[in-house]
Structures are given as structure tokens and as C-alpha cells.
Amino acid sequence: MGKPKTTGRTATDWLSDRAMRVVIRSLLFTPYGWRVPAMGWFVRCVLAPLAGYHRRSLSNLAYIFPDMSFPDRKSISRGVADNMGRTFIENYSTKQFLSRNKNAQLQGPGAEALKIAQQNGQAVILVSGHYGNYEAPRAALVGHGYNVGGLYRRAANRYFNDHYAQTMKSFGGPVFEQGHRGTAGFVRHLKSGGMLVLLFDQHVSEGVDLPFLGKPARTALSASSLALRYDALLIPFYGTRRKNGIDFDIEFEAPIPHSDPETMTRALNTSLETRIHKHPKQWFWVHRRWKVGRGRNV
């Protein structure tokens, strides 16, 4: 699952966090249907150019899709930044976000598998990537009466992490921070037949090089290994943003058959790749996903 990043509390961190707090608090006073697209605009037009998100997305897109035209890459990059902004403010709008998603239909064969696992007390590991809004399915599950925990990676800016972590805890269910203590709590929850969410699509230095979108990417096998160790269902899930920009299709794919960690993780990669090809603007292309064989980190 990787070691959490650590950093000191620098003046730059403090200033950037205070600026972000002002934006968040200002938008939280506005109606939900206005604040979500407004934050999308802010990240797309202001933050992404300043923070280098567009540059990184364009570089990754060129690496994976070298034949794609620049205008198409630029369009995707802008869409990615917009989706990131919407996702960010949605996750801070806990009450409204939970209310809007509580009655969402749980679609796909994995939804029935979840129901049966809960009835039988079997552990479940729900796996997704930074796609659409990955918290929308958790909000929908909470609305349907499921107790869903999560594991998160500490933000590099520790001032920001103080309130960022709280947003995940406010959804309900136990939330564990990556690291020895968090992993121990995560495992205890699995042993008790709990249901947990993992995101697996970021670079992990101690992971295994597996193909992702046609290029080698260092990938953690931990989700698959834990599923095997604790006889847990391993279910890919997605919250795909609809055209209205606010609502989601909540989908749970069939459980990945148990075999070995690498084979199962390859299946997870394939599942996410299919979603990205269909909705490229909904995956966070800003991540430094490919550090293998590129000759440079982007």
C-alpha cells in the first residue's frame, strides 16, 4: 500500500492551505448546484495552469496516446481539471453529497455480490482508481445502509491534510491512514468481515511493474494480496460522472476471481483501462503514474 509521504509544516504549505481554505469556505456558502461547476471552473482555469496540472496531463496523454492530436489532448486535460475541481468540492460538501447520492441505484453484478457478502459476514475490498468521483459509490453505499471504511494516503501538505482527512471520516465508517497503524486497523476491519475501499492507481515504489494503458507502471499488489489472505471479495467499482456534471452512475463489476496477486491486479488494471478509454476526461491524468522506462518523472 506504500509508505505515506511526510513533510514539515512550511510557510509555503501554510499559505497555500489558507488560500484553499478561503476558496472552500466561500463556495460552501453557495447553493450546491452552483458551487460544484464553480469549483470545476476554478481548478480548470486558475489552479491547473498555476500548479502545472495541465502540463502534466498533456505529457502523460502524449506518452500514452502519441498519435492523439494536441487539441484533443488539450480538451481532455481541461476536462480532467474540471472533474478534479468538482470532485474536490463535492467531497467537502458532505451533507449535500450524501443526500444527493443516497438513493442512487447500485448497478452491476457486483451489487448483488455485495449484498450476499454482507449477509454472510464475508469481507469485501472495493477497488477503484482516481476516476469520476470515487467517493460517490461510498456515499451511495452509506445511503443503502452499508458500513464502508477506507484507506487514504496522507496529503503532502500537512496543514491541508488536517481537514482533508476529516472529509473522508465524515462519510461514516472507519477511515485508516496509510502506514503501520492504519494498515493494522484496516486488517482488523477485514478480519471482522468488514467492507473497505482502496484506490490502487498511483505509483508505488515497492510495487510491481505491470502494464497500464500499454506502458509499464509500478503497481501495488496489496489489494489482491489482502483479498486472498482474508478470503475477501475483490470488486472493482466506479462513480462515473453524468453529463449534467453533478450526478453519477454507480457501478460495481463482478468480483475478480481469486488466483494470485499479480493476475488479480492485472484484471484490476484492465477494468480501469476500459473506463478510461470510454471516459478519458474522468481519470486523474495529473498523477505521476508512469515512472518506469520514461527516463524522467513527469
C-alpha atoms as a PDB file:
ATOM      1  CA  MET A   1       0.000   0.000   0.000  1.00  0.00           C
ATOM      2  CA  GLY A   2       3.038   2.230   0.116  1.00  0.00           C
ATOM      3  CA  LYS A   3       4.565   4.429   2.776  1.00  0.00           C
ATOM      4  CA  PRO A   4       2.825   7.738   3.448  1.00  0.00           C
ATOM      5  CA  LYS A   5       4.634  10.856   2.446  1.00  0.00           C
ATOM      6  CA  THR A   6       5.912  13.005   5.252  1.00  0.00           C
ATOM      7  CA  THR A   7       6.821  16.649   5.202  1.00  0.00           C
ATOM      8  CA  GLY A   8       7.372  19.551   7.539  1.00  0.00           C
ATOM      9  CA  ARG A   9       4.924  22.393   8.039  1.00  0.00           C
ATOM     10  CA  THR A  10       6.484  25.077   5.863  1.00  0.00           C
ATOM     11  CA  ALA A  11       5.385  28.678   5.357  1.00  0.00           C
ATOM     12  CA  THR A  12       4.526  27.877   1.739  1.00  0.00           C
ATOM     13  CA  ASP A  13       2.361  24.981   2.870  1.00  0.00           C
ATOM     14  CA  TRP A  14       0.584  27.240   5.347  1.00  0.00           C
ATOM     15  CA  LEU A  15      -0.075  29.956   2.757  1.00  0.00           C
ATOM     16  CA  SER A  16      -1.313  27.562   0.094  1.00  0.00           C
ATOM     17  CA  ASP A  17      -3.559  25.829   2.617  1.00  0.00           C
ATOM     18  CA  ARG A  18      -5.035  29.137   3.811  1.00  0.00           C
ATOM     19  CA  ALA A  19      -5.752  30.175   0.225  1.00  0.00           C
ATOM     20  CA  MET A  20      -7.501  26.864  -0.416  1.00  0.00           C
ATOM     21  CA  ARG A  21      -9.490  27.172   2.820  1.00  0.00           C
ATOM     22  CA  VAL A  22     -10.773  30.577   1.689  1.00  0.00           C
ATOM     23  CA  VAL A  23     -11.950  29.136  -1.635  1.00  0.00           C
ATOM     24  CA  ILE A  24     -13.582  26.122   0.029  1.00  0.00           C
ATOM     25  CA  ARG A  25     -15.359  28.107   2.733  1.00  0.00           C
ATOM     26  CA  SER A  26     -16.566  30.709   0.257  1.00  0.00           C
ATOM     27  CA  LEU A  27     -18.048  28.096  -2.046  1.00  0.00           C
ATOM     28  CA  LEU A  28     -19.677  26.179   0.803  1.00  0.00           C
ATOM     29  CA  PHE A  29     -21.919  29.212   1.381  1.00  0.00           C
ATOM     30  CA  THR A  30     -23.285  28.919  -2.165  1.00  0.00           C
ATOM     31  CA  PRO A  31     -26.005  26.520  -3.417  1.00  0.00           C
ATOM     32  CA  TYR A  32     -24.705  23.033  -4.188  1.00  0.00           C
ATOM     33  CA  GLY A  33     -25.748  23.178  -7.846  1.00  0.00           C
ATOM     34  CA  TRP A  34     -23.667  26.325  -8.291  1.00  0.00           C
ATOM     35  CA  ARG A  35     -20.607  25.511  -6.197  1.00  0.00           C
ATOM     36  CA  VAL A  36     -19.769  22.232  -7.988  1.00  0.00           C
ATOM     37  CA  PRO A  37     -19.359  23.708 -11.503  1.00  0.00           C
ATOM     38  CA  ALA A  38     -17.779  26.844  -9.983  1.00  0.00           C
ATOM     39  CA  MET A  39     -15.022  24.768  -8.387  1.00  0.00           C
ATOM     40  CA  GLY A  40     -14.608  22.907 -11.658  1.00  0.00           C
ATOM     41  CA  TRP A  41     -14.045  26.235 -13.396  1.00  0.00           C
ATOM     42  CA  PHE A  42     -11.614  27.432 -10.713  1.00  0.00           C
ATOM     43  CA  VAL A  43      -9.393  24.359 -10.962  1.00  0.00           C
ATOM     44  CA  ARG A  44      -9.604  24.224 -14.764  1.00  0.00           C
ATOM     45  CA  CYS A  45      -8.887  27.898 -15.413  1.00  0.00           C
ATOM     46  CA  VAL A  46      -6.887  29.062 -12.383  1.00  0.00           C
ATOM     47  CA  LEU A  47      -5.321  26.306 -10.313  1.00  0.00           C
ATOM     48  CA  ALA A  48      -4.404  23.813 -13.057  1.00  0.00           C
ATOM     49  CA  PRO A  49      -2.279  26.293 -15.072  1.00  0.00           C
ATOM     50  CA  LEU A  50      -0.559  27.600 -11.920  1.00  0.00           C
ATOM     51  CA  ALA A  51       0.105  24.175 -10.390  1.00  0.00           C
ATOM     52  CA  GLY A  52       1.278  22.577 -13.636  1.00  0.00           C
ATOM     53  CA  TYR A  53      -1.631  20.135 -13.807  1.00  0.00           C
ATOM     54  CA  HIS A  54      -2.294  20.841 -17.482  1.00  0.00           C
ATOM     55  CA  ARG A  55       1.371  20.362 -18.348  1.00  0.00           C
ATOM     56  CA  ARG A  56       1.491  17.020 -16.542  1.00  0.00           C
ATOM     57  CA  SER A  57      -1.767  15.780 -18.046  1.00  0.00           C
ATOM     58  CA  LEU A  58      -0.659  16.745 -21.549  1.00  0.00           C
ATOM     59  CA  SER A  59       2.666  14.976 -21.058  1.00  0.00           C
ATOM     60  CA  ASN A  60       1.014  11.781 -19.810  1.00  0.00           C
ATOM     61  CA  LEU A  61      -1.523  11.839 -22.638  1.00  0.00           C
ATOM     62  CA  ALA A  62       1.247  12.276 -25.209  1.00  0.00           C
ATOM     63  CA  TYR A  63       3.128   9.365 -23.635  1.00  0.00           C
ATOM     64  CA  ILE A  64       0.141   7.022 -23.759  1.00  0.00           C
ATOM     65  CA  PHE A  65      -1.526   8.321 -26.935  1.00  0.00           C
ATOM     66  CA  PRO A  66       1.319   9.626 -29.130  1.00  0.00           C
ATOM     67  CA  ASP A  67      -0.943   9.784 -32.203  1.00  0.00           C
ATOM     68  CA  MET A  68      -3.600  11.898 -30.485  1.00  0.00           C
ATOM     69  CA  SER A  69      -3.805  15.472 -31.747  1.00  0.00           C
ATOM     70  CA  PHE A  70      -2.803  18.311 -29.452  1.00  0.00           C
ATOM     71  CA  PRO A  71      -6.310  19.858 -29.487  1.00  0.00           C
ATOM     72  CA  ASP A  72      -7.753  16.523 -28.340  1.00  0.00           C
ATOM     73  CA  ARG A  73      -5.152  16.200 -25.580  1.00  0.00           C
ATOM     74  CA  LYS A  74      -5.855  19.771 -24.506  1.00  0.00           C
ATOM     75  CA  SER A  75      -9.597  19.109 -24.400  1.00  0.00           C
ATOM     76  CA  ILE A  76      -9.065  16.058 -22.199  1.00  0.00           C
ATOM     77  CA  SER A  77      -6.674  17.944 -19.932  1.00  0.00           C
ATOM     78  CA  ARG A  78      -9.236  20.696 -19.375  1.00  0.00           C
ATOM     79  CA  GLY A  79     -11.938  18.134 -18.701  1.00  0.00           C
ATOM     80  CA  VAL A  80      -9.691  16.352 -16.199  1.00  0.00           C
ATOM     81  CA  ALA A  81      -9.053  19.579 -14.277  1.00  0.00           C
ATOM     82  CA  ASP A  82     -12.760  20.389 -14.264  1.00  0.00           C
ATOM     83  CA  ASN A  83     -13.632  16.945 -12.906  1.00  0.00           C
ATOM     84  CA  MET A  84     -10.934  17.252 -10.239  1.00  0.00           C
ATOM     85  CA  GLY A  85     -12.373  20.548  -9.053  1.00  0.00           C
ATOM     86  CA  ARG A  86     -15.913  19.198  -8.938  1.00  0.00           C
ATOM     87  CA  THR A  87     -14.748  16.102  -7.061  1.00  0.00           C
ATOM     88  CA  PHE A  88     -12.839  18.189  -4.550  1.00  0.00           C
ATOM     89  CA  ILE A  89     -15.737  20.429  -3.521  1.00  0.00           C
ATOM     90  CA  GLU A  90     -18.211  17.533  -3.594  1.00  0.00           C
ATOM     91  CA  ASN A  91     -16.111  15.705  -1.042  1.00  0.00           C
ATOM     92  CA  TYR A  92     -16.151  18.774   1.203  1.00  0.00           C
ATOM     93  CA  SER A  93     -19.938  19.105   0.814  1.00  0.00           C
ATOM     94  CA  THR A  94     -20.581  16.032   2.942  1.00  0.00           C
ATOM     95  CA  LYS A  95     -24.220  16.565   3.873  1.00  0.00           C
ATOM     96  CA  GLN A  96     -25.403  17.563   0.397  1.00  0.00           C
ATOM     97  CA  PHE A  97     -23.234  14.975  -1.343  1.00  0.00           C
ATOM     98  CA  LEU A  98     -24.556  12.141   0.835  1.00  0.00           C
ATOM     99  CA  SER A  99     -28.122  13.345   0.362  1.00  0.00           C
ATOM    100  CA  ARG A 100     -27.788  13.584  -3.417  1.00  0.00           C
ATOM    101  CA  ASN A 101     -26.322  10.073  -3.740  1.00  0.00           C
ATOM    102  CA  LYS A 102     -28.189   8.166  -1.021  1.00  0.00           C
ATOM    103  CA  ASN A 103     -30.878   6.912  -3.394  1.00  0.00           C
ATOM    104  CA  ALA A 104     -28.579   6.206  -6.340  1.00  0.00           C
ATOM    105  CA  GLN A 105     -29.114   2.816  -7.921  1.00  0.00           C
ATOM    106  CA  LEU A 106     -26.327   0.317  -7.242  1.00  0.00           C
ATOM    107  CA  GLN A 107     -25.712  -1.101 -10.691  1.00  0.00           C
ATOM    108  CA  GLY A 108     -23.750  -4.091 -11.994  1.00  0.00           C
ATOM    109  CA  PRO A 109     -23.264  -7.723 -10.955  1.00  0.00           C
ATOM    110  CA  GLY A 110     -21.051  -6.714  -8.042  1.00  0.00           C
ATOM    111  CA  ALA A 111     -24.007  -5.021  -6.319  1.00  0.00           C
ATOM    112  CA  GLU A 112     -25.714  -8.369  -5.690  1.00  0.00           C
ATOM    113  CA  ALA A 113     -22.401  -9.928  -4.653  1.00  0.00           C
ATOM    114  CA  LEU A 114     -22.013  -7.143  -2.063  1.00  0.00           C
ATOM    115  CA  LYS A 115     -25.440  -7.847  -0.644  1.00  0.00           C
ATOM    116  CA  ILE A 116     -24.763 -11.562  -0.305  1.00  0.00           C
ATOM    117  CA  ALA A 117     -21.325 -10.963   1.246  1.00  0.00           C
ATOM    118  CA  GLN A 118     -22.834  -8.672   3.872  1.00  0.00           C
ATOM    119  CA  GLN A 119     -25.490 -11.260   4.720  1.00  0.00           C
ATOM    120  CA  ASN A 120     -22.803 -13.937   5.090  1.00  0.00           C
ATOM    121  CA  GLY A 121     -20.345 -11.759   7.022  1.00  0.00           C
ATOM    122  CA  GLN A 122     -17.715 -12.040   4.281  1.00  0.00           C
ATOM    123  CA  ALA A 123     -15.127  -9.286   3.932  1.00  0.00           C
ATOM    124  CA  VAL A 124     -15.186  -7.115   0.809  1.00  0.00           C
ATOM    125  CA  ILE A 125     -12.446  -4.976  -0.727  1.00  0.00           C
ATOM    126  CA  LEU A 126     -13.854  -2.415  -3.156  1.00  0.00           C
ATOM    127  CA  VAL A 127     -11.189  -1.200  -5.564  1.00  0.00           C
ATOM    128  CA  SER A 128     -11.215   1.805  -7.854  1.00  0.00           C
ATOM    129  CA  GLY A 129      -8.982   4.496  -9.272  1.00  0.00           C
ATOM    130  CA  HIS A 130      -8.994   8.282  -9.249  1.00  0.00           C
ATOM    131  CA  TYR A 131     -11.822   8.282 -11.748  1.00  0.00           C
ATOM    132  CA  GLY A 132     -15.104  10.215 -11.818  1.00  0.00           C
ATOM    133  CA  ASN A 133     -15.755  10.785  -8.157  1.00  0.00           C
ATOM    134  CA  TYR A 134     -14.566   7.680  -6.334  1.00  0.00           C
ATOM    135  CA  GLU A 135     -16.433   8.802  -3.179  1.00  0.00           C
ATOM    136  CA  ALA A 136     -19.840   8.803  -4.899  1.00  0.00           C
ATOM    137  CA  PRO A 137     -20.205   4.996  -4.661  1.00  0.00           C
ATOM    138  CA  ARG A 138     -19.253   5.103  -0.972  1.00  0.00           C
ATOM    139  CA  ALA A 139     -21.889   7.791  -0.413  1.00  0.00           C
ATOM    140  CA  ALA A 140     -24.448   5.617  -2.227  1.00  0.00           C
ATOM    141  CA  LEU A 141     -23.486   2.558  -0.174  1.00  0.00           C
ATOM    142  CA  VAL A 142     -23.877   4.535   3.054  1.00  0.00           C
ATOM    143  CA  GLY A 143     -27.320   5.595   1.847  1.00  0.00           C
ATOM    144  CA  HIS A 144     -28.217   1.943   1.298  1.00  0.00           C
ATOM    145  CA  GLY A 145     -27.190   1.037   4.830  1.00  0.00           C
ATOM    146  CA  TYR A 146     -23.678  -0.330   4.269  1.00  0.00           C
ATOM    147  CA  ASN A 147     -20.849   0.451   6.705  1.00  0.00           C
ATOM    148  CA  VAL A 148     -17.892   1.190   4.442  1.00  0.00           C
ATOM    149  CA  GLY A 149     -14.397   2.012   5.620  1.00  0.00           C
ATOM    150  CA  GLY A 150     -11.487   3.407   3.659  1.00  0.00           C
ATOM    151  CA  LEU A 151      -7.719   3.744   3.454  1.00  0.00           C
ATOM    152  CA  TYR A 152      -6.189   7.043   2.365  1.00  0.00           C
ATOM    153  CA  ARG A 153      -2.754   8.419   1.579  1.00  0.00           C
ATOM    154  CA  ARG A 154      -1.736  11.388   3.689  1.00  0.00           C
ATOM    155  CA  ALA A 155      -1.545  14.648   1.727  1.00  0.00           C
ATOM    156  CA  ALA A 156       1.969  16.074   1.380  1.00  0.00           C
ATOM    157  CA  ASN A 157       0.814  19.409   2.829  1.00  0.00           C
ATOM    158  CA  ARG A 158       0.118  18.554   6.473  1.00  0.00           C
ATOM    159  CA  TYR A 159      -1.908  21.736   7.034  1.00  0.00           C
ATOM    160  CA  PHE A 160      -4.190  20.672   4.205  1.00  0.00           C
ATOM    161  CA  ASN A 161      -4.239  17.065   5.421  1.00  0.00           C
ATOM    162  CA  ASP A 162      -5.796  18.155   8.736  1.00  0.00           C
ATOM    163  CA  HIS A 163      -9.104  18.993   7.066  1.00  0.00           C
ATOM    164  CA  TYR A 164      -8.754  16.739   4.003  1.00  0.00           C
ATOM    165  CA  ALA A 165      -8.735  13.634   6.214  1.00  0.00           C
ATOM    166  CA  GLN A 166     -11.778  14.866   8.094  1.00  0.00           C
ATOM    167  CA  THR A 167     -13.858  14.964   4.898  1.00  0.00           C
ATOM    168  CA  MET A 168     -13.373  11.216   4.424  1.00  0.00           C
ATOM    169  CA  LYS A 169     -14.175  10.438   8.045  1.00  0.00           C
ATOM    170  CA  SER A 170     -17.402  12.430   7.820  1.00  0.00           C
ATOM    171  CA  PHE A 171     -18.886   9.960   5.324  1.00  0.00           C
ATOM    172  CA  GLY A 172     -19.197   7.364   8.090  1.00  0.00           C
ATOM    173  CA  GLY A 173     -17.363   4.094   8.549  1.00  0.00           C
ATOM    174  CA  PRO A 174     -13.779   3.706   9.765  1.00  0.00           C
ATOM    175  CA  VAL A 175     -11.048   5.523   7.845  1.00  0.00           C
ATOM    176  CA  PHE A 176      -7.410   4.446   8.086  1.00  0.00           C
ATOM    177  CA  GLU A 177      -4.311   6.413   7.081  1.00  0.00           C
ATOM    178  CA  GLN A 178      -1.630   4.532   5.177  1.00  0.00           C
ATOM    179  CA  GLY A 179       1.165   3.439   7.487  1.00  0.00           C
ATOM    180  CA  HIS A 180       1.730   0.740  10.086  1.00  0.00           C
ATOM    181  CA  ARG A 181      -1.031   1.829  12.456  1.00  0.00           C
ATOM    182  CA  GLY A 182      -3.571   2.441   9.693  1.00  0.00           C
ATOM    183  CA  THR A 183      -2.801  -0.855   7.989  1.00  0.00           C
ATOM    184  CA  ALA A 184      -3.244  -2.716  11.279  1.00  0.00           C
ATOM    185  CA  GLY A 185      -6.692  -1.176  11.733  1.00  0.00           C
ATOM    186  CA  PHE A 186      -7.536  -1.898   8.113  1.00  0.00           C
ATOM    187  CA  VAL A 187      -6.645  -5.568   8.578  1.00  0.00           C
ATOM    188  CA  ARG A 188      -8.662  -5.858  11.787  1.00  0.00           C
ATOM    189  CA  HIS A 189     -11.682  -4.486   9.949  1.00  0.00           C
ATOM    190  CA  LEU A 190     -11.242  -7.059   7.182  1.00  0.00           C
ATOM    191  CA  LYS A 191     -10.858  -9.894   9.662  1.00  0.00           C
ATOM    192  CA  SER A 192     -14.189  -8.938  11.188  1.00  0.00           C
ATOM    193  CA  GLY A 193     -15.912  -9.267   7.798  1.00  0.00           C
ATOM    194  CA  GLY A 194     -15.870  -5.537   7.068  1.00  0.00           C
ATOM    195  CA  MET A 195     -16.148  -3.668   3.785  1.00  0.00           C
ATOM    196  CA  LEU A 196     -13.311  -1.361   2.718  1.00  0.00           C
ATOM    197  CA  VAL A 197     -12.439   0.927  -0.187  1.00  0.00           C
ATOM    198  CA  LEU A 198      -8.994   1.133  -1.818  1.00  0.00           C
ATOM    199  CA  LEU A 199      -7.644   3.233  -4.684  1.00  0.00           C
ATOM    200  CA  PHE A 200      -4.825   1.434  -6.459  1.00  0.00           C
ATOM    201  CA  ASP A 201      -3.841   3.594  -9.433  1.00  0.00           C
ATOM    202  CA  GLN A 202      -0.916   5.640  -8.130  1.00  0.00           C
ATOM    203  CA  HIS A 203       2.802   4.943  -8.414  1.00  0.00           C
ATOM    204  CA  VAL A 204       4.059   2.775  -5.545  1.00  0.00           C
ATOM    205  CA  SER A 205       7.833   2.455  -5.427  1.00  0.00           C
ATOM    206  CA  GLU A 206       7.759  -1.018  -3.832  1.00  0.00           C
ATOM    207  CA  GLY A 207       5.099  -2.267  -6.255  1.00  0.00           C
ATOM    208  CA  VAL A 208       5.434  -4.476  -9.318  1.00  0.00           C
ATOM    209  CA  ASP A 209       5.848  -3.271 -12.905  1.00  0.00           C
ATOM    210  CA  LEU A 210       2.581  -4.109 -14.652  1.00  0.00           C
ATOM    211  CA  PRO A 211       1.208  -2.821 -17.961  1.00  0.00           C
ATOM    212  CA  PHE A 212      -1.267   0.017 -17.595  1.00  0.00           C
ATOM    213  CA  LEU A 213      -2.637   1.668 -20.718  1.00  0.00           C
ATOM    214  CA  GLY A 214       0.099  -0.072 -22.657  1.00  0.00           C
ATOM    215  CA  LYS A 215       3.058   1.150 -20.585  1.00  0.00           C
ATOM    216  CA  PRO A 216       4.784  -0.316 -17.508  1.00  0.00           C
ATOM    217  CA  ALA A 217       3.590   1.236 -14.259  1.00  0.00           C
ATOM    218  CA  ARG A 218       4.684   0.408 -10.713  1.00  0.00           C
ATOM    219  CA  THR A 219       1.554  -1.083  -9.142  1.00  0.00           C
ATOM    220  CA  ALA A 220       0.719  -2.223  -5.619  1.00  0.00           C
ATOM    221  CA  LEU A 221      -0.458  -5.834  -5.267  1.00  0.00           C
ATOM    222  CA  SER A 222      -1.765  -5.204  -1.755  1.00  0.00           C
ATOM    223  CA  ALA A 223      -5.495  -5.181  -2.537  1.00  0.00           C
ATOM    224  CA  SER A 224      -5.288  -8.574  -4.235  1.00  0.00           C
ATOM    225  CA  SER A 225      -2.976  -9.992  -1.570  1.00  0.00           C
ATOM    226  CA  LEU A 226      -5.339  -8.925   1.213  1.00  0.00           C
ATOM    227  CA  ALA A 227      -8.339 -10.366  -0.628  1.00  0.00           C
ATOM    228  CA  LEU A 228      -6.580 -13.720  -0.845  1.00  0.00           C
ATOM    229  CA  ARG A 229      -5.330 -13.665   2.733  1.00  0.00           C
ATOM    230  CA  TYR A 230      -8.708 -12.843   4.285  1.00  0.00           C
ATOM    231  CA  ASP A 231     -10.992 -14.546   1.755  1.00  0.00           C
ATOM    232  CA  ALA A 232     -12.474 -11.192   0.783  1.00  0.00           C
ATOM    233  CA  LEU A 233     -14.363 -10.381  -2.385  1.00  0.00           C
ATOM    234  CA  LEU A 234     -12.349  -8.076  -4.663  1.00  0.00           C
ATOM    235  CA  ILE A 235     -14.813  -5.875  -6.530  1.00  0.00           C
ATOM    236  CA  PRO A 236     -13.936  -3.065  -8.981  1.00  0.00           C
ATOM    237  CA  PHE A 237     -16.299  -0.110  -8.574  1.00  0.00           C
ATOM    238  CA  TYR A 238     -16.796   3.264 -10.282  1.00  0.00           C
ATOM    239  CA  GLY A 239     -18.696   6.518  -9.873  1.00  0.00           C
ATOM    240  CA  THR A 240     -18.938   7.843 -13.445  1.00  0.00           C
ATOM    241  CA  ARG A 241     -19.987  11.474 -13.705  1.00  0.00           C
ATOM    242  CA  ARG A 242     -23.077  12.030 -15.832  1.00  0.00           C
ATOM    243  CA  LYS A 243     -23.434  14.709 -18.493  1.00  0.00           C
ATOM    244  CA  ASN A 244     -25.159  17.075 -16.071  1.00  0.00           C
ATOM    245  CA  GLY A 245     -21.837  17.262 -14.199  1.00  0.00           C
ATOM    246  CA  ILE A 246     -23.331  16.609 -10.771  1.00  0.00           C
ATOM    247  CA  ASP A 247     -24.897  13.131 -10.678  1.00  0.00           C
ATOM    248  CA  PHE A 248     -23.246   9.722 -11.088  1.00  0.00           C
ATOM    249  CA  ASP A 249     -23.727   6.225 -12.393  1.00  0.00           C
ATOM    250  CA  ILE A 250     -22.727   3.925  -9.527  1.00  0.00           C
ATOM    251  CA  GLU A 251     -21.408   0.612 -10.838  1.00  0.00           C
ATOM    252  CA  PHE A 252     -19.953  -2.489  -9.222  1.00  0.00           C
ATOM    253  CA  GLU A 253     -18.340  -5.031 -11.521  1.00  0.00           C
ATOM    254  CA  ALA A 254     -18.288  -8.758 -10.925  1.00  0.00           C
ATOM    255  CA  PRO A 255     -15.783  -9.859  -8.256  1.00  0.00           C
ATOM    256  CA  ILE A 256     -12.289 -10.622  -9.546  1.00  0.00           C
ATOM    257  CA  PRO A 257     -11.746 -14.414  -9.325  1.00  0.00           C
ATOM    258  CA  HIS A 258      -9.169 -15.432  -6.726  1.00  0.00           C
ATOM    259  CA  SER A 259      -5.950 -16.732  -8.279  1.00  0.00           C
ATOM    260  CA  ASP A 260      -2.659 -14.969  -7.462  1.00  0.00           C
ATOM    261  CA  PRO A 261      -1.948 -11.306  -6.605  1.00  0.00           C
ATOM    262  CA  GLU A 262      -0.380 -10.360  -9.934  1.00  0.00           C
ATOM    263  CA  THR A 263      -3.095 -11.938 -12.085  1.00  0.00           C
ATOM    264  CA  MET A 264      -5.811 -10.327  -9.995  1.00  0.00           C
ATOM    265  CA  THR A 265      -4.136  -6.908 -10.112  1.00  0.00           C
ATOM    266  CA  ARG A 266      -3.745  -7.163 -13.880  1.00  0.00           C
ATOM    267  CA  ALA A 267      -7.511  -7.700 -14.013  1.00  0.00           C
ATOM    268  CA  LEU A 268      -8.000  -4.547 -11.937  1.00  0.00           C
ATOM    269  CA  ASN A 269      -5.780  -2.610 -14.356  1.00  0.00           C
ATOM    270  CA  THR A 270      -7.770  -3.900 -17.321  1.00  0.00           C
ATOM    271  CA  SER A 271     -11.033  -2.900 -15.652  1.00  0.00           C
ATOM    272  CA  LEU A 272      -9.846   0.672 -15.038  1.00  0.00           C
ATOM    273  CA  GLU A 273      -8.316   0.939 -18.519  1.00  0.00           C
ATOM    274  CA  THR A 274     -11.723   0.168 -20.045  1.00  0.00           C
ATOM    275  CA  ARG A 275     -13.286   3.024 -18.102  1.00  0.00           C
ATOM    276  CA  ILE A 276     -10.518   5.457 -19.037  1.00  0.00           C
ATOM    277  CA  HIS A 277     -10.797   4.666 -22.750  1.00  0.00           C
ATOM    278  CA  LYS A 278     -14.533   5.306 -22.570  1.00  0.00           C
ATOM    279  CA  HIS A 279     -14.333   8.465 -20.424  1.00  0.00           C
ATOM    280  CA  PRO A 280     -10.750   9.820 -20.619  1.00  0.00           C
ATOM    281  CA  LYS A 281     -11.686  13.150 -19.026  1.00  0.00           C
ATOM    282  CA  GLN A 282     -12.773  11.429 -15.836  1.00  0.00           C
ATOM    283  CA  TRP A 283      -9.423   9.902 -14.860  1.00  0.00           C
ATOM    284  CA  PHE A 284      -6.852  12.000 -12.996  1.00  0.00           C
ATOM    285  CA  TRP A 285      -4.140  12.220 -15.656  1.00  0.00           C
ATOM    286  CA  VAL A 286      -2.238  14.631 -13.392  1.00  0.00           C
ATOM    287  CA  HIS A 287      -0.755  11.804 -11.322  1.00  0.00           C
ATOM    288  CA  ARG A 288       2.855  10.752 -11.904  1.00  0.00           C
ATOM    289  CA  ARG A 289       1.644   7.273 -12.773  1.00  0.00           C
ATOM    290  CA  TRP A 290       4.444   6.189 -15.103  1.00  0.00           C
ATOM    291  CA  LYS A 291       7.958   6.400 -13.687  1.00  0.00           C
ATOM    292  CA  VAL A 292       9.184   3.231 -15.333  1.00  0.00           C
ATOM    293  CA  GLY A 293      11.062   3.454 -18.608  1.00  0.00           C
ATOM    294  CA  ARG A 294      10.324   7.132 -19.261  1.00  0.00           C
ATOM    295  CA  GLY A 295      13.766   8.481 -18.471  1.00  0.00           C
ATOM    296  CA  ARG A 296      12.202  11.303 -16.467  1.00  0.00           C
ATOM    297  CA  ASN A 297       9.482  11.915 -13.928  1.00  0.00           C
ATOM    298  CA  VAL A 298       6.543  13.992 -15.136  1.00  0.00           C
END
